[in-house]
């Protein structure tokens, strides 16, 4: 009986340093765009061609209909690392005039 008690107490000492953490899910929002998909967008493309390649934009600006914003956000639950992307397509009428990738749009941050 004494051996059983000693072995169970020594087991508890090992468990003291072991911590159980709850499972945290990954949080993903927005449009995930591959770099080659973004590179396919060229000036002169129509809105429907851009929508076909990239999908519907994440944000529809009510005050500026000539700008489509594509955002992507991913937070890894277990590590807390955050990935962000931001890509903007500018139009004049129905044609694309330019595209803009925000600096640091694909950087890795720690929160």
PDB file of N, CA and C in Angstrom:
ATOM      1  N   UNK A   1       0.823  -1.184   0.000  1.00  0.00           N
ATOM      2  CA  UNK A   1       0.000   0.000   0.000  1.00  0.00           C
ATOM      3  C   UNK A   1       0.875   1.260   0.000  1.00  0.00           C
ATOM      4  N   UNK A   2       1.953   1.218   0.764  1.00  0.00           N
ATOM      5  CA  UNK A   2       2.868   2.357   0.845  1.00  0.00           C
ATOM      6  C   UNK A   2       3.512   2.636  -0.508  1.00  0.00           C
ATOM      7  N   UNK A   3       3.874   1.619  -1.234  1.00  0.00           N
ATOM      8  CA  UNK A   3       4.471   1.773  -2.561  1.00  0.00           C
ATOM      9  C   UNK A   3       3.469   2.429  -3.516  1.00  0.00           C
ATOM     10  N   UNK A   4       2.230   2.063  -3.444  1.00  0.00           N
ATOM     11  CA  UNK A   4       1.193   2.632  -4.293  1.00  0.00           C
ATOM     12  C   UNK A   4       1.002   4.117  -4.015  1.00  0.00           C
ATOM     13  N   UNK A   5       0.995   4.515  -2.764  1.00  0.00           N
ATOM     14  CA  UNK A   5       0.839   5.926  -2.388  1.00  0.00           C
ATOM     15  C   UNK A   5       2.049   6.730  -2.848  1.00  0.00           C
ATOM     16  N   UNK A   6       3.240   6.229  -2.662  1.00  0.00           N
ATOM     17  CA  UNK A   6       4.459   6.953  -3.062  1.00  0.00           C
ATOM     18  C   UNK A   6       4.508   7.121  -4.580  1.00  0.00           C
ATOM     19  N   UNK A   7       4.149   6.087  -5.316  1.00  0.00           N
ATOM     20  CA  UNK A   7       4.191   6.197  -6.775  1.00  0.00           C
ATOM     21  C   UNK A   7       3.124   7.157  -7.294  1.00  0.00           C
ATOM     22  N   UNK A   8       1.958   7.203  -6.664  1.00  0.00           N
ATOM     23  CA  UNK A   8       0.926   8.132  -7.118  1.00  0.00           C
ATOM     24  C   UNK A   8       1.282   9.573  -6.777  1.00  0.00           C
ATOM     25  N   UNK A   9       1.933   9.817  -5.648  1.00  0.00           N
ATOM     26  CA  UNK A   9       2.364  11.170  -5.285  1.00  0.00           C
ATOM     27  C   UNK A   9       3.462  11.650  -6.224  1.00  0.00           C
ATOM     28  N   UNK A  10       4.381  10.775  -6.572  1.00  0.00           N
ATOM     29  CA  UNK A  10       5.450  11.182  -7.493  1.00  0.00           C
ATOM     30  C   UNK A  10       4.873  11.460  -8.883  1.00  0.00           C
ATOM     31  N   UNK A  11       3.819  10.773  -9.259  1.00  0.00           N
ATOM     32  CA  UNK A  11       3.150  11.046 -10.527  1.00  0.00           C
ATOM     33  C   UNK A  11       2.502  12.418 -10.530  1.00  0.00           C
ATOM     34  N   UNK A  12       1.959  12.841  -9.401  1.00  0.00           N
ATOM     35  CA  UNK A  12       1.344  14.173  -9.301  1.00  0.00           C
ATOM     36  C   UNK A  12       2.388  15.267  -9.431  1.00  0.00           C
ATOM     37  N   UNK A  13       3.584  15.008  -8.950  1.00  0.00           N
ATOM     38  CA  UNK A  13       4.648  16.002  -9.068  1.00  0.00           C
ATOM     39  C   UNK A  13       5.003  16.246 -10.534  1.00  0.00           C
ATOM     40  N   UNK A  14       4.975  15.202 -11.330  1.00  0.00           N
ATOM     41  CA  UNK A  14       5.252  15.362 -12.760  1.00  0.00           C
ATOM     42  C   UNK A  14       4.130  16.123 -13.450  1.00  0.00           C
ATOM     43  N   UNK A  15       2.900  15.890 -13.045  1.00  0.00           N
ATOM     44  CA  UNK A  15       1.767  16.553 -13.666  1.00  0.00           C
ATOM     45  C   UNK A  15       1.692  18.033 -13.327  1.00  0.00           C
ATOM     46  N   UNK A  16       2.339  18.439 -12.267  1.00  0.00           N
ATOM     47  CA  UNK A  16       2.319  19.842 -11.877  1.00  0.00           C
ATOM     48  C   UNK A  16       2.960  20.718 -12.956  1.00  0.00           C
ATOM     49  N   UNK A  17       3.992  20.214 -13.621  1.00  0.00           N
ATOM     50  CA  UNK A  17       4.658  20.976 -14.679  1.00  0.00           C
ATOM     51  C   UNK A  17       3.940  20.845 -16.017  1.00  0.00           C
ATOM     52  N   UNK A  18       3.057  19.916 -16.133  1.00  0.00           N
ATOM     53  CA  UNK A  18       2.307  19.693 -17.368  1.00  0.00           C
ATOM     54  C   UNK A  18       1.027  20.517 -17.307  1.00  0.00           C
ATOM     55  N   UNK A  19       0.828  21.351 -18.303  1.00  0.00           N
ATOM     56  CA  UNK A  19      -0.379  22.175 -18.280  1.00  0.00           C
ATOM     57  C   UNK A  19      -1.257  21.836 -19.479  1.00  0.00           C
ATOM     58  N   UNK A  20      -2.503  21.648 -19.220  1.00  0.00           N
ATOM     59  CA  UNK A  20      -3.477  21.415 -20.278  1.00  0.00           C
ATOM     60  C   UNK A  20      -4.018  22.758 -20.739  1.00  0.00           C
ATOM     61  N   UNK A  21      -3.980  22.972 -22.033  1.00  0.00           N
ATOM     62  CA  UNK A  21      -4.512  24.208 -22.582  1.00  0.00           C
ATOM     63  C   UNK A  21      -5.740  23.874 -23.416  1.00  0.00           C
ATOM     64  N   UNK A  22      -6.742  24.711 -23.356  1.00  0.00           N
ATOM     65  CA  UNK A  22      -7.936  24.428 -24.157  1.00  0.00           C
ATOM     66  C   UNK A  22      -7.634  24.592 -25.648  1.00  0.00           C
ATOM     67  N   UNK A  23      -8.357  23.874 -26.454  1.00  0.00           N
ATOM     68  CA  UNK A  23      -8.206  23.972 -27.904  1.00  0.00           C
ATOM     69  C   UNK A  23      -8.757  25.313 -28.370  1.00  0.00           C
ATOM     70  N   UNK A  24      -7.981  25.997 -29.195  1.00  0.00           N
ATOM     71  CA  UNK A  24      -8.421  27.263 -29.772  1.00  0.00           C
ATOM     72  C   UNK A  24      -8.483  27.101 -31.278  1.00  0.00           C
ATOM     73  N   UNK A  25      -9.618  27.434 -31.854  1.00  0.00           N
ATOM     74  CA  UNK A  25      -9.799  27.267 -33.287  1.00  0.00           C
ATOM     75  C   UNK A  25      -9.102  28.384 -34.047  1.00  0.00           C
ATOM     76  N   UNK A  26      -8.777  28.113 -35.294  1.00  0.00           N
ATOM     77  CA  UNK A  26      -8.251  29.141 -36.182  1.00  0.00           C
ATOM     78  C   UNK A  26      -9.408  30.031 -36.618  1.00  0.00           C
ATOM     79  N   UNK A  27      -9.144  31.324 -36.695  1.00  0.00           N
ATOM     80  CA  UNK A  27     -10.151  32.285 -37.132  1.00  0.00           C
ATOM     81  C   UNK A  27      -9.724  32.800 -38.496  1.00  0.00           C
ATOM     82  N   UNK A  28     -10.559  32.555 -39.490  1.00  0.00           N
ATOM     83  CA  UNK A  28     -10.247  32.951 -40.862  1.00  0.00           C
ATOM     84  C   UNK A  28     -11.380  33.816 -41.388  1.00  0.00           C
ATOM     85  N   UNK A  29     -11.026  34.965 -41.981  1.00  0.00           N
ATOM     86  CA  UNK A  29     -12.029  35.857 -42.545  1.00  0.00           C
ATOM     87  C   UNK A  29     -11.512  36.436 -43.845  1.00  0.00           C
ATOM     88  N   UNK A  30     -12.411  36.680 -44.762  1.00  0.00           N
ATOM     89  CA  UNK A  30     -12.051  37.366 -45.988  1.00  0.00           C
ATOM     90  C   UNK A  30     -11.794  36.442 -47.151  1.00  0.00           C
ATOM     91  N   UNK A  31     -11.190  37.026 -48.185  1.00  0.00           N
ATOM     92  CA  UNK A  31     -10.895  36.323 -49.427  1.00  0.00           C
ATOM     93  C   UNK A  31      -9.432  35.886 -49.419  1.00  0.00           C
ATOM     94  N   UNK A  32      -9.187  34.573 -49.449  1.00  0.00           N
ATOM     95  CA  UNK A  32      -7.808  34.103 -49.572  1.00  0.00           C
ATOM     96  C   UNK A  32      -7.435  34.142 -51.047  1.00  0.00           C
ATOM     97  N   UNK A  33      -6.416  34.911 -51.375  1.00  0.00           N
ATOM     98  CA  UNK A  33      -5.984  35.069 -52.763  1.00  0.00           C
ATOM     99  C   UNK A  33      -4.547  34.622 -52.909  1.00  0.00           C
ATOM    100  N   UNK A  34      -4.310  33.786 -53.888  1.00  0.00           N
ATOM    101  CA  UNK A  34      -2.949  33.368 -54.214  1.00  0.00           C
ATOM    102  C   UNK A  34      -2.258  34.498 -54.978  1.00  0.00           C
ATOM    103  N   UNK A  35      -0.954  34.550 -54.862  1.00  0.00           N
ATOM    104  CA  UNK A  35      -0.177  35.597 -55.525  1.00  0.00           C
ATOM    105  C   UNK A  35      -0.346  35.546 -57.050  1.00  0.00           C
ATOM    106  N   UNK A  36      -0.418  34.348 -57.625  1.00  0.00           N
ATOM    107  CA  UNK A  36      -0.572  34.241 -59.076  1.00  0.00           C
ATOM    108  C   UNK A  36      -1.950  34.722 -59.539  1.00  0.00           C
ATOM    109  N   UNK A  37      -2.978  34.587 -58.697  1.00  0.00           N
ATOM    110  CA  UNK A  37      -4.302  35.123 -59.027  1.00  0.00           C
ATOM    111  C   UNK A  37      -4.267  36.646 -59.058  1.00  0.00           C
ATOM    112  N   UNK A  38      -3.599  37.234 -58.101  1.00  0.00           N
ATOM    113  CA  UNK A  38      -3.485  38.694 -58.034  1.00  0.00           C
ATOM    114  C   UNK A  38      -2.697  39.217 -59.224  1.00  0.00           C
ATOM    115  N   UNK A  39      -1.643  38.512 -59.597  1.00  0.00           N
ATOM    116  CA  UNK A  39      -0.802  38.949 -60.718  1.00  0.00           C
ATOM    117  C   UNK A  39      -1.521  38.878 -62.062  1.00  0.00           C
ATOM    118  N   UNK A  40      -2.623  38.137 -62.140  1.00  0.00           N
ATOM    119  CA  UNK A  40      -3.372  38.030 -63.387  1.00  0.00           C
ATOM    120  C   UNK A  40      -4.223  39.268 -63.674  1.00  0.00           C
ATOM    121  N   UNK A  41      -4.473  40.078 -62.655  1.00  0.00           N
ATOM    122  CA  UNK A  41      -5.289  41.278 -62.832  1.00  0.00           C
ATOM    123  C   UNK A  41      -4.449  42.348 -63.536  1.00  0.00           C
ATOM    124  N   UNK A  42      -4.988  42.859 -64.637  1.00  0.00           N
ATOM    125  CA  UNK A  42      -4.278  43.847 -65.450  1.00  0.00           C
ATOM    126  C   UNK A  42      -5.192  45.025 -65.746  1.00  0.00           C
ATOM    127  N   UNK A  43      -4.620  46.204 -65.971  1.00  0.00           N
ATOM    128  CA  UNK A  43      -5.428  47.351 -66.386  1.00  0.00           C
ATOM    129  C   UNK A  43      -6.187  47.020 -67.676  1.00  0.00           C
ATOM    130  N   UNK A  44      -7.434  47.480 -67.735  1.00  0.00           N
ATOM    131  CA  UNK A  44      -8.270  47.224 -68.896  1.00  0.00           C
ATOM    132  C   UNK A  44      -9.242  46.083 -68.712  1.00  0.00           C
ATOM    133  N   UNK A  45      -9.069  45.269 -67.676  1.00  0.00           N
ATOM    134  CA  UNK A  45     -10.008  44.172 -67.417  1.00  0.00           C
ATOM    135  C   UNK A  45     -11.322  44.747 -66.898  1.00  0.00           C
ATOM    136  N   UNK A  46     -12.413  44.077 -67.220  1.00  0.00           N
ATOM    137  CA  UNK A  46     -13.722  44.529 -66.759  1.00  0.00           C
ATOM    138  C   UNK A  46     -13.966  44.055 -65.329  1.00  0.00           C
ATOM    139  N   UNK A  47     -14.992  44.635 -64.710  1.00  0.00           N
ATOM    140  CA  UNK A  47     -15.360  44.245 -63.348  1.00  0.00           C
ATOM    141  C   UNK A  47     -15.743  42.766 -63.277  1.00  0.00           C
ATOM    142  N   UNK A  48     -16.452  42.296 -64.293  1.00  0.00           N
ATOM    143  CA  UNK A  48     -16.868  40.884 -64.272  1.00  0.00           C
ATOM    144  C   UNK A  48     -15.668  39.948 -64.410  1.00  0.00           C
ATOM    145  N   UNK A  49     -14.645  40.350 -65.170  1.00  0.00           N
ATOM    146  CA  UNK A  49     -13.439  39.532 -65.285  1.00  0.00           C
ATOM    147  C   UNK A  49     -12.697  39.471 -63.957  1.00  0.00           C
ATOM    148  N   UNK A  50     -12.619  40.607 -63.266  1.00  0.00           N
ATOM    149  CA  UNK A  50     -11.958  40.649 -61.953  1.00  0.00           C
ATOM    150  C   UNK A  50     -12.737  39.803 -60.952  1.00  0.00           C
ATOM    151  N   UNK A  51     -14.063  39.916 -60.962  1.00  0.00           N
ATOM    152  CA  UNK A  51     -14.892  39.129 -60.047  1.00  0.00           C
ATOM    153  C   UNK A  51     -14.753  37.636 -60.334  1.00  0.00           C
ATOM    154  N   UNK A  52     -14.630  37.274 -61.607  1.00  0.00           N
ATOM    155  CA  UNK A  52     -14.451  35.870 -61.968  1.00  0.00           C
ATOM    156  C   UNK A  52     -13.133  35.321 -61.416  1.00  0.00           C
ATOM    157  N   UNK A  53     -12.055  36.119 -61.492  1.00  0.00           N
ATOM    158  CA  UNK A  53     -10.737  35.670 -61.021  1.00  0.00           C
ATOM    159  C   UNK A  53     -10.605  35.698 -59.505  1.00  0.00           C
ATOM    160  N   UNK A  54     -11.101  36.754 -58.866  1.00  0.00           N
ATOM    161  CA  UNK A  54     -10.851  36.959 -57.437  1.00  0.00           C
ATOM    162  C   UNK A  54     -12.058  36.716 -56.543  1.00  0.00           C
ATOM    163  N   UNK A  55     -13.241  36.631 -57.124  1.00  0.00           N
ATOM    164  CA  UNK A  55     -14.440  36.490 -56.310  1.00  0.00           C
ATOM    165  C   UNK A  55     -14.987  37.857 -55.930  1.00  0.00           C
ATOM    166  N   UNK A  56     -16.064  37.833 -55.179  1.00  0.00           N
ATOM    167  CA  UNK A  56     -16.701  39.067 -54.727  1.00  0.00           C
ATOM    168  C   UNK A  56     -15.818  39.730 -53.679  1.00  0.00           C
ATOM    169  N   UNK A  57     -15.626  41.059 -53.777  1.00  0.00           N
ATOM    170  CA  UNK A  57     -14.769  41.728 -52.788  1.00  0.00           C
ATOM    171  C   UNK A  57     -15.355  41.660 -51.384  1.00  0.00           C
ATOM    172  N   UNK A  58     -14.471  41.664 -50.409  1.00  0.00           N
ATOM    173  CA  UNK A  58     -14.873  41.571 -49.009  1.00  0.00           C
ATOM    174  C   UNK A  58     -15.618  42.820 -48.559  1.00  0.00           C
ATOM    175  N   UNK A  59     -15.165  43.991 -49.025  1.00  0.00           N
ATOM    176  CA  UNK A  59     -15.738  45.255 -48.589  1.00  0.00           C
ATOM    177  C   UNK A  59     -16.274  46.006 -49.796  1.00  0.00           C
ATOM    178  N   UNK A  60     -17.538  46.373 -49.752  1.00  0.00           N
ATOM    179  CA  UNK A  60     -18.119  47.213 -50.796  1.00  0.00           C
ATOM    180  C   UNK A  60     -18.229  48.624 -50.238  1.00  0.00           C
ATOM    181  N   UNK A  61     -17.475  49.539 -50.807  1.00  0.00           N
ATOM    182  CA  UNK A  61     -17.446  50.917 -50.335  1.00  0.00           C
ATOM    183  C   UNK A  61     -18.647  51.664 -50.897  1.00  0.00           C
ATOM    184  N   UNK A  62     -19.531  52.113 -50.031  1.00  0.00           N
ATOM    185  CA  UNK A  62     -20.728  52.827 -50.473  1.00  0.00           C
ATOM    186  C   UNK A  62     -20.410  54.196 -51.049  1.00  0.00           C
ATOM    187  N   UNK A  63     -19.306  54.784 -50.633  1.00  0.00           N
ATOM    188  CA  UNK A  63     -18.956  56.126 -51.076  1.00  0.00           C
ATOM    189  C   UNK A  63     -18.054  56.133 -52.299  1.00  0.00           C
ATOM    190  N   UNK A  64     -17.433  55.006 -52.606  1.00  0.00           N
ATOM    191  CA  UNK A  64     -16.528  54.931 -53.750  1.00  0.00           C
ATOM    192  C   UNK A  64     -16.731  53.574 -54.430  1.00  0.00           C
ATOM    193  N   UNK A  65     -17.584  53.535 -55.431  1.00  0.00           N
ATOM    194  CA  UNK A  65     -17.882  52.271 -56.106  1.00  0.00           C
ATOM    195  C   UNK A  65     -16.783  51.870 -57.086  1.00  0.00           C
ATOM    196  N   UNK A  66     -15.791  52.737 -57.276  1.00  0.00           N
ATOM    197  CA  UNK A  66     -14.685  52.438 -58.188  1.00  0.00           C
ATOM    198  C   UNK A  66     -13.499  51.802 -57.477  1.00  0.00           C
ATOM    199  N   UNK A  67     -13.731  51.282 -56.285  1.00  0.00           N
ATOM    200  CA  UNK A  67     -12.653  50.639 -55.512  1.00  0.00           C
ATOM    201  C   UNK A  67     -13.185  49.377 -54.868  1.00  0.00           C
ATOM    202  N   UNK A  68     -12.477  48.277 -55.104  1.00  0.00           N
ATOM    203  CA  UNK A  68     -12.824  47.008 -54.470  1.00  0.00           C
ATOM    204  C   UNK A  68     -11.677  46.604 -53.554  1.00  0.00           C
ATOM    205  N   UNK A  69     -12.001  46.298 -52.308  1.00  0.00           N
ATOM    206  CA  UNK A  69     -10.999  45.891 -51.327  1.00  0.00           C
ATOM    207  C   UNK A  69     -11.156  44.401 -51.025  1.00  0.00           C
ATOM    208  N   UNK A  70     -10.051  43.710 -51.119  1.00  0.00           N
ATOM    209  CA  UNK A  70     -10.003  42.290 -50.770  1.00  0.00           C
ATOM    210  C   UNK A  70      -9.121  42.148 -49.534  1.00  0.00           C
ATOM    211  N   UNK A  71      -9.712  41.705 -48.442  1.00  0.00           N
ATOM    212  CA  UNK A  71      -8.988  41.489 -47.192  1.00  0.00           C
ATOM    213  C   UNK A  71      -8.917  40.004 -46.895  1.00  0.00           C
ATOM    214  N   UNK A  72      -7.842  39.631 -46.209  1.00  0.00           N
ATOM    215  CA  UNK A  72      -7.738  38.269 -45.698  1.00  0.00           C
ATOM    216  C   UNK A  72      -7.091  38.338 -44.326  1.00  0.00           C
ATOM    217  N   UNK A  73      -7.670  37.622 -43.381  1.00  0.00           N
ATOM    218  CA  UNK A  73      -7.188  37.611 -42.000  1.00  0.00           C
ATOM    219  C   UNK A  73      -7.237  36.172 -41.504  1.00  0.00           C
ATOM    220  N   UNK A  74      -6.129  35.724 -40.932  1.00  0.00           N
ATOM    221  CA  UNK A  74      -6.069  34.381 -40.345  1.00  0.00           C
ATOM    222  C   UNK A  74      -5.322  34.467 -39.028  1.00  0.00           C
ATOM    223  N   UNK A  75      -5.982  34.044 -37.965  1.00  0.00           N
ATOM    224  CA  UNK A  75      -5.350  33.970 -36.648  1.00  0.00           C
ATOM    225  C   UNK A  75      -5.261  32.507 -36.269  1.00  0.00           C
ATOM    226  N   UNK A  76      -4.029  32.040 -36.083  1.00  0.00           N
ATOM    227  CA  UNK A  76      -3.794  30.660 -35.681  1.00  0.00           C
ATOM    228  C   UNK A  76      -4.121  30.560 -34.190  1.00  0.00           C
ATOM    229  N   UNK A  77      -5.097  29.727 -33.858  1.00  0.00           N
ATOM    230  CA  UNK A  77      -5.596  29.656 -32.487  1.00  0.00           C
ATOM    231  C   UNK A  77      -4.566  29.264 -31.462  1.00  0.00           C
ATOM    232  N   UNK A  78      -3.784  28.253 -31.760  1.00  0.00           N
ATOM    233  CA  UNK A  78      -2.850  27.724 -30.773  1.00  0.00           C
ATOM    234  C   UNK A  78      -1.677  28.670 -30.525  1.00  0.00           C
ATOM    235  N   UNK A  79      -1.138  29.284 -31.585  1.00  0.00           N
ATOM    236  CA  UNK A  79       0.047  30.130 -31.428  1.00  0.00           C
ATOM    237  C   UNK A  79      -0.277  31.615 -31.312  1.00  0.00           C
ATOM    238  N   UNK A  80      -1.449  32.021 -31.804  1.00  0.00           N
ATOM    239  CA  UNK A  80      -1.811  33.434 -31.770  1.00  0.00           C
ATOM    240  C   UNK A  80      -1.204  34.241 -32.903  1.00  0.00           C
ATOM    241  N   UNK A  81      -0.516  33.583 -33.844  1.00  0.00           N
ATOM    242  CA  UNK A  81       0.066  34.303 -34.969  1.00  0.00           C
ATOM    243  C   UNK A  81      -1.037  34.783 -35.901  1.00  0.00           C
ATOM    244  N   UNK A  82      -0.804  35.964 -36.496  1.00  0.00           N
ATOM    245  CA  UNK A  82      -1.805  36.569 -37.368  1.00  0.00           C
ATOM    246  C   UNK A  82      -1.201  36.820 -38.744  1.00  0.00           C
ATOM    247  N   UNK A  83      -1.928  36.381 -39.781  1.00  0.00           N
ATOM    248  CA  UNK A  83      -1.557  36.649 -41.166  1.00  0.00           C
ATOM    249  C   UNK A  83      -2.593  37.605 -41.742  1.00  0.00           C
ATOM    250  N   UNK A  84      -2.112  38.648 -42.429  1.00  0.00           N
ATOM    251  CA  UNK A  84      -3.014  39.618 -43.043  1.00  0.00           C
ATOM    252  C   UNK A  84      -2.594  39.887 -44.474  1.00  0.00           C
ATOM    253  N   UNK A  85      -3.594  40.074 -45.333  1.00  0.00           N
ATOM    254  CA  UNK A  85      -3.373  40.494 -46.714  1.00  0.00           C
ATOM    255  C   UNK A  85      -4.397  41.555 -47.053  1.00  0.00           C
ATOM    256  N   UNK A  86      -3.998  42.508 -47.882  1.00  0.00           N
ATOM    257  CA  UNK A  86      -4.919  43.549 -48.335  1.00  0.00           C
ATOM    258  C   UNK A  86      -4.559  43.877 -49.777  1.00  0.00           C
ATOM    259  N   UNK A  87      -5.549  43.759 -50.636  1.00  0.00           N
ATOM    260  CA  UNK A  87      -5.366  43.966 -52.068  1.00  0.00           C
ATOM    261  C   UNK A  87      -6.503  44.850 -52.554  1.00  0.00           C
ATOM    262  N   UNK A  88      -6.186  45.870 -53.365  1.00  0.00           N
ATOM    263  CA  UNK A  88      -7.192  46.831 -53.819  1.00  0.00           C
ATOM    264  C   UNK A  88      -7.169  46.901 -55.339  1.00  0.00           C
ATOM    265  N   UNK A  89      -8.368  46.895 -55.926  1.00  0.00           N
ATOM    266  CA  UNK A  89      -8.523  47.076 -57.369  1.00  0.00           C
ATOM    267  C   UNK A  89      -9.271  48.387 -57.589  1.00  0.00           C
ATOM    268  N   UNK A  90      -8.706  49.252 -58.438  1.00  0.00           N
ATOM    269  CA  UNK A  90      -9.323  50.537 -58.752  1.00  0.00           C
ATOM    270  C   UNK A  90      -9.893  50.501 -60.168  1.00  0.00           C
ATOM    271  N   UNK A  91     -11.087  51.055 -60.331  1.00  0.00           N
ATOM    272  CA  UNK A  91     -11.775  51.081 -61.623  1.00  0.00           C
ATOM    273  C   UNK A  91     -12.064  52.515 -62.042  1.00  0.00           C
ATOM    274  N   UNK A  92     -12.191  52.698 -63.341  1.00  0.00           N
ATOM    275  CA  UNK A  92     -12.795  53.898 -63.918  1.00  0.00           C
ATOM    276  C   UNK A  92     -13.891  53.381 -64.829  1.00  0.00           C
ATOM    277  N   UNK A  93     -15.135  53.628 -64.438  1.00  0.00           N
ATOM    278  CA  UNK A  93     -16.255  53.050 -65.171  1.00  0.00           C
ATOM    279  C   UNK A  93     -16.276  51.552 -64.968  1.00  0.00           C
ATOM    280  N   UNK A  94     -16.149  50.794 -66.049  1.00  0.00           N
ATOM    281  CA  UNK A  94     -16.161  49.333 -65.980  1.00  0.00           C
ATOM    282  C   UNK A  94     -14.775  48.721 -66.137  1.00  0.00           C
ATOM    283  N   UNK A  95     -13.738  49.531 -66.293  1.00  0.00           N
ATOM    284  CA  UNK A  95     -12.398  48.998 -66.550  1.00  0.00           C
ATOM    285  C   UNK A  95     -11.466  49.192 -65.362  1.00  0.00           C
ATOM    286  N   UNK A  96     -10.612  48.210 -65.165  1.00  0.00           N
ATOM    287  CA  UNK A  96      -9.574  48.290 -64.141  1.00  0.00           C
ATOM    288  C   UNK A  96      -8.512  49.280 -64.593  1.00  0.00           C
ATOM    289  N   UNK A  97      -8.138  50.205 -63.698  1.00  0.00           N
ATOM    290  CA  UNK A  97      -7.071  51.151 -64.035  1.00  0.00           C
ATOM    291  C   UNK A  97      -5.774  50.829 -63.309  1.00  0.00           C
ATOM    292  N   UNK A  98      -5.880  50.293 -62.088  1.00  0.00           N
ATOM    293  CA  UNK A  98      -4.661  49.919 -61.365  1.00  0.00           C
ATOM    294  C   UNK A  98      -5.011  48.986 -60.220  1.00  0.00           C
ATOM    295  N   UNK A  99      -3.985  48.311 -59.740  1.00  0.00           N
ATOM    296  CA  UNK A  99      -4.128  47.429 -58.588  1.00  0.00           C
ATOM    297  C   UNK A  99      -3.072  47.831 -57.561  1.00  0.00           C
ATOM    298  N   UNK A 100      -3.385  47.597 -56.329  1.00  0.00           N
ATOM    299  CA  UNK A 100      -2.468  48.002 -55.257  1.00  0.00           C
ATOM    300  C   UNK A 100      -2.396  46.912 -54.202  1.00  0.00           C
ATOM    301  N   UNK A 101      -1.181  46.530 -53.872  1.00  0.00           N
ATOM    302  CA  UNK A 101      -0.954  45.603 -52.755  1.00  0.00           C
ATOM    303  C   UNK A 101      -0.400  46.445 -51.618  1.00  0.00           C
ATOM    304  N   UNK A 102      -1.059  46.387 -50.514  1.00  0.00           N
ATOM    305  CA  UNK A 102      -0.602  47.155 -49.353  1.00  0.00           C
ATOM    306  C   UNK A 102       0.718  46.595 -48.848  1.00  0.00           C
ATOM    307  N   UNK A 103       1.639  47.497 -48.496  1.00  0.00           N
ATOM    308  CA  UNK A 103       2.924  47.056 -47.947  1.00  0.00           C
ATOM    309  C   UNK A 103       2.686  46.266 -46.673  1.00  0.00           C
ATOM    310  N   UNK A 104       3.408  45.189 -46.572  1.00  0.00           N
ATOM    311  CA  UNK A 104       3.266  44.342 -45.396  1.00  0.00           C
ATOM    312  C   UNK A 104       1.971  43.568 -45.382  1.00  0.00           C
ATOM    313  N   UNK A 105       1.340  43.428 -46.522  1.00  0.00           N
ATOM    314  CA  UNK A 105       0.035  42.784 -46.569  1.00  0.00           C
ATOM    315  C   UNK A 105       0.099  41.309 -46.241  1.00  0.00           C
ATOM    316  N   UNK A 106       1.254  40.689 -46.394  1.00  0.00           N
ATOM    317  CA  UNK A 106       1.360  39.253 -46.131  1.00  0.00           C
ATOM    318  C   UNK A 106       2.347  38.978 -45.002  1.00  0.00           C
ATOM    319  N   UNK A 107       2.477  39.949 -44.115  1.00  0.00           N
ATOM    320  CA  UNK A 107       3.451  39.762 -43.049  1.00  0.00           C
ATOM    321  C   UNK A 107       2.874  38.947 -41.906  1.00  0.00           C
ATOM    322  N   UNK A 108       3.757  38.403 -41.128  1.00  0.00           N
ATOM    323  CA  UNK A 108       3.390  37.589 -39.982  1.00  0.00           C
ATOM    324  C   UNK A 108       3.578  38.429 -38.745  1.00  0.00           C
ATOM    325  N   UNK A 109       2.532  38.500 -37.924  1.00  0.00           N
ATOM    326  CA  UNK A 109       2.597  39.292 -36.691  1.00  0.00           C
ATOM    327  C   UNK A 109       2.323  38.392 -35.506  1.00  0.00           C
ATOM    328  N   UNK A 110       2.795  38.798 -34.371  1.00  0.00           N
ATOM    329  CA  UNK A 110       2.452  38.107 -33.130  1.00  0.00           C
ATOM    330  C   UNK A 110       1.508  38.997 -32.347  1.00  0.00           C
ATOM    331  N   UNK A 111       0.454  38.398 -31.837  1.00  0.00           N
ATOM    332  CA  UNK A 111      -0.480  39.210 -31.050  1.00  0.00           C
ATOM    333  C   UNK A 111      -0.331  38.892 -29.583  1.00  0.00           C
TER     334      UNK A 111
END
